[in-house]
Amino acid sequence: MTTALPRTRVITQHRFGGPEVLEIEERERPVAGPGEVLLRVRAAGVNAVDRLARSGAAPLFGEPPFVLGNDVSGVVEATGAGVTRFRPGDEVFGKVLGGGYAEYMAAPADQFAAKPSTLDHVHAAGAPTATLTAWQALVDLAQVGPGTRVLVHAAGGGVGHAAVQIAKAEGAYVVGTARADKHEFLRDLGVDEPVDHTATDFATAVRDMDVALDLIGGDYGPRTLNTLRPGGLLLSALPGDTGLSAEDVEARGMRFAVVRVEPSGMRLAKIASLLAGGRVRIHLDAVLPFAEAAKAHELGEAGHTKGKIVLSLPE
């Protein structure tokens, strides 16, 4: 008699397209390989990059079928050879390289950190990509500190709202661009000076910034140079849509860097202390059931999200 292998449900797609291409399938449950953990996923974050990969605009995983999902929080089900940091039953969260829209997934243990006990799984799943992008930009690259003047574009969005709080935790003065209806939200996050980019030309209204984080792309990069002081640093979190080159920036006496966020359990462990203490709070715009991934993508594409959208899986 053959024993049936454990199964897992995943959200996958067999062609590029709109949210409607996402569908649930049942597959054989993965196992934890050397250096990996098998995670029972309790929540999965939904990011802009998921939507770009789904549509084919950013073919990060090659041709379909594939499983999206870079942000997860859950419980370690099993560990592979060589894993000593975690044990079965540990609650962890992390940024992975796809595969997070699943009930169970396997990924390298060094991509995870212990989930703060003060954080539930849905808030933890909203944190990794947003906070790691902000940390790698503002702490690792810009080394912001007390008195640093920081401009954050799209400050009310997923990465933006994390960037604002991490900059403030480091002692920076923060200017954030967002629509006027998000300004109360920005002030609650700690933004010192909200700017309505739909009513005011930020390129003339904002001046003498030390660091600017561009989370929009297109012409925002070139226009943002006008807000920087001589020697100021422009950071772009959109490698394929910076709107300019390092040579363009340097010709104007400023500095430029592209932020390519990487999974890092080590960095996430540092961020976890900020999350545990409430110095960085993940705002959830919507929490939807696992089966409603298509609806989550539709909400994200509407472009009015404050903070994050997360998929919740049953216990």
Protein backbone atom coordinates (compact mmCIF):
# COMPACT_ATOMS: atom_id res chain seq x y z
CA MET A 1 0.00 0.00 0.00
CA THR A 2 1.42 3.38 -1.06
CA THR A 3 1.33 6.17 1.51
CA ALA A 4 0.08 9.45 0.07
CA LEU A 5 2.66 12.22 0.18
CA PRO A 6 1.75 15.41 2.06
CA ARG A 7 0.18 18.07 -0.13
CA THR A 8 0.03 21.87 -0.10
CA ARG A 9 -2.09 24.46 -1.83
CA VAL A 10 -0.35 27.21 -3.78
CA ILE A 11 -1.49 30.20 -5.79
CA THR A 12 0.06 29.92 -9.22
CA GLN A 13 -0.41 31.09 -12.80
CA HIS A 14 0.03 29.43 -16.18
CA ARG A 15 0.24 32.59 -18.27
CA PHE A 16 1.10 36.24 -17.90
CA GLY A 17 -1.82 38.61 -17.52
CA GLY A 18 -4.09 40.43 -15.11
CA PRO A 19 -5.10 39.35 -11.61
CA GLU A 20 -7.53 36.83 -13.10
CA VAL A 21 -4.63 34.52 -14.12
CA LEU A 22 -3.97 33.64 -10.45
CA GLU A 23 -5.41 30.29 -9.45
CA ILE A 24 -5.18 27.77 -6.61
CA GLU A 25 -3.54 24.42 -7.23
CA GLU A 26 -2.64 21.50 -5.02
CA ARG A 27 0.91 20.18 -5.18
CA GLU A 28 3.26 17.88 -3.33
CA ARG A 29 4.54 19.57 -0.19
CA PRO A 30 8.22 20.58 -0.43
CA VAL A 31 10.87 19.33 1.98
CA ALA A 32 13.59 21.34 3.68
CA GLY A 33 16.91 20.84 1.92
CA PRO A 34 20.35 21.49 3.45
CA GLY A 35 20.40 24.94 5.05
CA GLU A 36 16.65 25.38 4.59
CA VAL A 37 13.53 25.50 6.72
CA LEU A 38 10.12 24.20 5.76
CA LEU A 39 7.68 26.92 6.70
CA ARG A 40 3.99 26.55 7.39
CA VAL A 41 2.94 29.93 6.02
CA ARG A 42 0.46 31.86 8.12
CA ALA A 43 0.50 35.11 6.10
CA ALA A 44 2.02 36.36 2.85
CA GLY A 45 2.66 39.98 1.92
CA VAL A 46 1.59 41.34 -1.47
CA ASN A 47 4.11 43.63 -3.17
CA ALA A 48 4.26 45.70 -6.34
CA VAL A 49 6.94 43.37 -7.68
CA ASP A 50 4.44 40.49 -7.44
CA ARG A 51 2.10 42.33 -9.77
CA LEU A 52 4.91 43.14 -12.20
CA ALA A 53 6.02 39.51 -12.29
CA ARG A 54 2.44 38.29 -12.72
CA SER A 55 1.83 40.57 -15.71
CA GLY A 56 5.17 39.81 -17.36
CA ALA A 57 6.34 43.42 -17.07
CA ALA A 58 9.18 42.14 -14.87
CA PRO A 59 9.70 38.45 -15.77
CA LEU A 60 11.58 37.63 -12.58
CA PHE A 61 10.80 33.92 -12.58
CA GLY A 62 10.96 33.12 -16.28
CA GLU A 63 7.94 31.72 -18.05
CA PRO A 64 4.89 30.53 -16.06
CA PRO A 65 3.96 28.48 -14.19
CA PHE A 66 5.46 29.88 -11.00
CA VAL A 67 4.39 30.88 -7.49
CA LEU A 68 4.64 34.50 -6.44
CA GLY A 69 5.22 35.86 -2.95
CA ASN A 70 8.38 37.39 -1.44
CA ASP A 71 7.17 38.19 2.09
CA VAL A 72 6.06 35.51 4.54
CA SER A 73 5.46 34.87 8.21
CA GLY A 74 4.77 31.48 9.70
CA VAL A 75 5.85 28.54 11.83
CA VAL A 76 8.87 26.35 11.16
CA GLU A 77 7.58 22.86 10.35
CA ALA A 78 10.96 21.18 9.80
CA THR A 79 14.63 22.07 9.33
CA GLY A 80 17.16 20.79 6.86
CA ALA A 81 20.70 19.61 7.50
CA GLY A 82 22.97 22.24 8.99
CA VAL A 83 20.23 24.53 10.32
CA THR A 84 20.89 25.46 13.95
CA ARG A 85 19.22 28.89 14.30
CA PHE A 86 15.65 27.57 14.22
CA ARG A 87 13.70 24.59 15.46
CA PRO A 88 10.27 23.21 14.55
CA GLY A 89 7.62 25.35 16.20
CA ASP A 90 9.59 28.62 15.97
CA GLU A 91 7.66 31.59 14.59
CA VAL A 92 9.68 33.41 11.93
CA PHE A 93 9.28 35.97 9.16
CA GLY A 94 11.38 36.77 6.13
CA LYS A 95 11.88 37.90 2.58
CA VAL A 96 12.17 35.01 0.13
CA LEU A 97 12.75 34.84 -3.60
CA GLY A 98 9.27 33.77 -4.67
CA GLY A 99 7.06 30.90 -3.57
CA GLY A 100 5.39 32.66 -0.64
CA TYR A 101 1.80 32.32 -1.90
CA ALA A 102 1.59 28.81 -0.48
CA GLU A 103 0.48 26.90 2.59
CA TYR A 104 3.98 25.39 2.90
CA MET A 105 7.26 26.53 1.37
CA ALA A 106 10.97 25.77 1.77
CA ALA A 107 13.62 28.50 1.72
CA PRO A 108 17.13 29.18 3.09
CA ALA A 109 17.13 29.63 6.86
CA ASP A 110 19.35 32.71 6.60
CA GLN A 111 16.49 34.59 4.92
CA PHE A 112 14.44 34.48 8.14
CA ALA A 113 14.46 36.12 11.55
CA ALA A 114 12.52 35.32 14.70
CA LYS A 115 9.12 37.00 14.61
CA PRO A 116 8.68 39.48 17.48
CA SER A 117 6.16 38.10 19.97
CA THR A 118 4.41 41.49 19.95
CA LEU A 119 3.66 41.15 16.23
CA ASP A 120 0.99 38.92 14.74
CA HIS A 121 1.65 37.02 11.52
CA VAL A 122 -0.23 39.37 9.19
CA HIS A 123 1.73 42.42 10.37
CA ALA A 124 4.98 40.45 10.25
CA ALA A 125 4.27 39.36 6.67
CA GLY A 126 3.86 43.00 5.67
CA ALA A 127 7.29 43.91 6.96
CA PRO A 128 10.21 42.19 5.18
CA THR A 129 10.49 43.75 1.71
CA ALA A 130 9.34 47.19 2.86
CA THR A 131 11.63 47.41 5.86
CA LEU A 132 14.63 45.75 4.20
CA THR A 133 14.40 48.12 1.24
CA ALA A 134 14.26 51.10 3.58
CA TRP A 135 17.04 49.77 5.80
CA GLN A 136 19.41 48.95 2.94
CA ALA A 137 18.76 52.37 1.40
CA LEU A 138 18.79 54.66 4.41
CA VAL A 139 20.98 52.83 6.95
CA ASP A 140 23.41 50.77 4.85
CA LEU A 141 23.87 53.16 1.90
CA ALA A 142 22.94 56.65 3.13
CA GLN A 143 23.94 56.14 6.78
CA VAL A 144 21.32 58.66 7.90
CA GLY A 145 21.58 59.96 11.43
CA PRO A 146 20.47 62.78 13.72
CA GLY A 147 19.68 65.89 11.70
CA THR A 148 19.94 64.25 8.28
CA ARG A 149 17.32 65.77 5.98
CA VAL A 150 15.56 62.95 4.12
CA LEU A 151 12.96 63.15 1.33
CA VAL A 152 10.80 60.05 0.79
CA HIS A 153 8.59 59.84 -2.29
CA ALA A 154 5.34 57.83 -2.07
CA ALA A 155 5.74 58.09 1.69
CA GLY A 156 2.32 56.56 2.40
CA GLY A 157 2.94 53.37 0.43
CA GLY A 158 4.32 50.02 1.51
CA VAL A 159 8.04 50.82 1.32
CA GLY A 160 7.51 54.54 1.87
CA HIS A 161 5.76 54.26 5.22
CA ALA A 162 8.52 51.93 6.46
CA ALA A 163 11.24 54.26 5.14
CA VAL A 164 9.75 57.24 6.97
CA GLN A 165 9.77 55.38 10.28
CA ILE A 166 13.27 53.94 9.89
CA ALA A 167 14.61 57.41 9.01
CA LYS A 168 12.90 58.84 12.09
CA ALA A 169 14.26 56.01 14.26
CA GLU A 170 17.74 57.07 13.11
CA GLY A 171 17.05 60.69 14.09
CA ALA A 172 16.43 62.19 10.63
CA TYR A 173 14.20 65.11 9.63
CA VAL A 174 11.75 63.67 7.09
CA VAL A 175 9.85 65.25 4.21
CA GLY A 176 7.34 62.93 2.54
CA THR A 177 5.38 63.28 -0.69
CA ALA A 178 1.83 61.91 -0.89
CA ARG A 179 -1.68 63.01 -1.75
CA ALA A 180 -3.29 65.36 0.75
CA ASP A 181 -5.68 62.66 2.00
CA LYS A 182 -2.65 60.72 3.32
CA HIS A 183 -1.06 63.62 5.20
CA GLU A 184 -2.65 62.82 8.55
CA PHE A 185 -1.35 59.26 8.13
CA LEU A 186 2.14 60.61 7.35
CA ARG A 187 2.19 62.85 10.41
CA ASP A 188 1.17 59.91 12.57
CA LEU A 189 4.18 58.03 11.16
CA GLY A 190 6.44 60.91 12.14
CA VAL A 191 6.80 62.86 8.90
CA ASP A 192 7.94 66.39 9.75
CA GLU A 193 6.80 67.96 6.49
CA PRO A 194 4.18 66.33 4.22
CA VAL A 195 4.07 67.62 0.63
CA ASP A 196 1.09 67.12 -1.70
CA HIS A 197 2.83 66.31 -4.98
CA THR A 198 -0.49 66.61 -6.87
CA ALA A 199 -0.97 70.26 -5.84
CA THR A 200 2.61 71.45 -5.40
CA ASP A 201 5.72 70.99 -7.51
CA PHE A 202 7.96 69.27 -4.98
CA ALA A 203 10.98 70.07 -7.18
CA THR A 204 10.59 73.75 -6.32
CA ALA A 205 8.95 73.45 -2.88
CA VAL A 206 11.56 71.17 -1.29
CA ARG A 207 15.17 72.25 -0.85
CA ASP A 208 18.47 71.36 0.85
CA MET A 209 17.81 67.65 1.34
CA ASP A 210 20.76 65.42 2.21
CA VAL A 211 19.13 62.20 0.99
CA ALA A 212 16.17 61.46 -1.29
CA LEU A 213 14.56 58.04 -1.76
CA ASP A 214 12.74 57.67 -5.08
CA LEU A 215 10.04 54.98 -4.97
CA ILE A 216 8.20 56.15 -8.10
CA GLY A 217 10.68 56.30 -10.99
CA GLY A 218 10.22 57.96 -14.38
CA ASP A 219 10.87 61.70 -14.27
CA TYR A 220 10.88 61.75 -10.47
CA GLY A 221 14.61 61.02 -10.36
CA PRO A 222 15.73 63.99 -12.49
CA ARG A 223 13.24 66.32 -10.77
CA THR A 224 14.35 65.18 -7.33
CA LEU A 225 17.91 66.36 -8.01
CA ASN A 226 16.57 69.91 -7.63
CA THR A 227 15.71 69.18 -3.99
CA LEU A 228 19.21 68.01 -3.00
CA ARG A 229 22.02 70.07 -1.58
CA PRO A 230 25.46 69.85 -3.27
CA GLY A 231 26.86 66.43 -2.48
CA GLY A 232 23.41 65.08 -1.65
CA LEU A 233 22.51 61.45 -2.32
CA LEU A 234 19.69 60.26 -4.59
CA LEU A 235 18.61 56.66 -3.97
CA SER A 236 16.41 54.86 -6.48
CA ALA A 237 14.58 51.69 -5.51
CA LEU A 238 13.55 51.07 -9.13
CA PRO A 239 16.59 49.58 -10.92
CA GLY A 240 14.83 49.47 -14.29
CA ASP A 241 13.24 52.93 -14.16
CA THR A 242 15.64 55.37 -12.50
CA GLY A 243 15.13 58.10 -15.11
CA LEU A 244 18.83 58.98 -15.10
CA SER A 245 22.34 57.62 -14.72
CA ALA A 246 25.08 57.99 -12.12
CA GLU A 247 26.97 60.14 -14.64
CA ASP A 248 24.01 62.54 -14.93
CA VAL A 249 23.91 62.95 -11.16
CA GLU A 250 27.63 63.30 -10.67
CA ALA A 251 27.76 65.98 -13.38
CA ARG A 252 25.56 68.08 -11.10
CA GLY A 253 27.78 67.54 -8.09
CA MET A 254 25.60 64.95 -6.36
CA ARG A 255 25.70 61.22 -5.65
CA PHE A 256 23.53 58.37 -6.89
CA ALA A 257 22.87 54.75 -5.87
CA VAL A 258 20.39 52.09 -6.91
CA VAL A 259 18.85 50.04 -4.11
CA ARG A 260 18.64 46.34 -4.92
CA VAL A 261 16.95 44.82 -1.91
CA GLU A 262 18.25 41.42 -0.85
CA PRO A 263 16.89 38.84 1.60
CA SER A 264 18.75 39.08 4.90
CA GLY A 265 17.75 37.42 8.13
CA MET A 266 20.59 39.26 9.86
CA ARG A 267 19.27 42.71 8.90
CA LEU A 268 15.71 41.62 9.59
CA ALA A 269 16.72 40.63 13.13
CA LYS A 270 17.87 44.23 13.70
CA ILE A 271 14.63 45.56 12.23
CA ALA A 272 12.69 43.15 14.47
CA SER A 273 13.81 45.09 17.52
CA LEU A 274 12.29 48.27 16.04
CA LEU A 275 9.08 46.39 15.26
CA ALA A 276 8.94 44.83 18.72
CA GLY A 277 9.33 48.21 20.39
CA GLY A 278 6.76 49.94 18.19
CA ARG A 279 9.30 52.34 16.68
CA VAL A 280 8.37 50.94 13.27
CA ARG A 281 4.72 49.97 12.77
CA ILE A 282 3.41 48.14 9.72
CA HIS A 283 0.11 49.62 8.60
CA LEU A 284 -2.20 47.13 6.90
CA ASP A 285 -4.49 48.63 4.30
CA ALA A 286 -6.21 45.27 3.73
CA VAL A 287 -5.98 41.68 4.95
CA LEU A 288 -7.60 39.18 2.60
CA PRO A 289 -8.04 35.40 2.68
CA PHE A 290 -5.43 33.33 0.85
CA ALA A 291 -7.94 32.44 -1.88
CA GLU A 292 -8.48 36.12 -2.73
CA ALA A 293 -5.00 36.83 -4.10
CA ALA A 294 -6.50 38.18 -7.34
CA LYS A 295 -8.54 40.72 -5.38
CA ALA A 296 -5.42 41.71 -3.44
CA HIS A 297 -3.63 42.41 -6.73
CA GLU A 298 -6.59 44.44 -7.95
CA LEU A 299 -6.49 46.59 -4.80
CA GLY A 300 -2.77 47.17 -5.21
CA GLU A 301 -3.12 48.18 -8.83
CA ALA A 302 -5.73 50.79 -7.92
CA GLY A 303 -2.82 52.81 -6.54
CA HIS A 304 -4.42 54.18 -3.36
CA THR A 305 -2.96 51.78 -0.82
CA LYS A 306 -1.78 53.06 2.55
CA GLY A 307 0.84 50.71 3.86
CA LYS A 308 0.55 47.03 2.95
CA ILE A 309 -1.84 44.37 1.64
CA VAL A 310 -1.48 40.88 3.14
CA LEU A 311 -2.97 37.45 2.48
CA SER A 312 -3.94 35.48 5.59
CA LEU A 313 -3.89 31.69 5.79
CA PRO A 314 -5.88 29.64 8.30
CA GLU A 315 -4.17 28.10 11.33
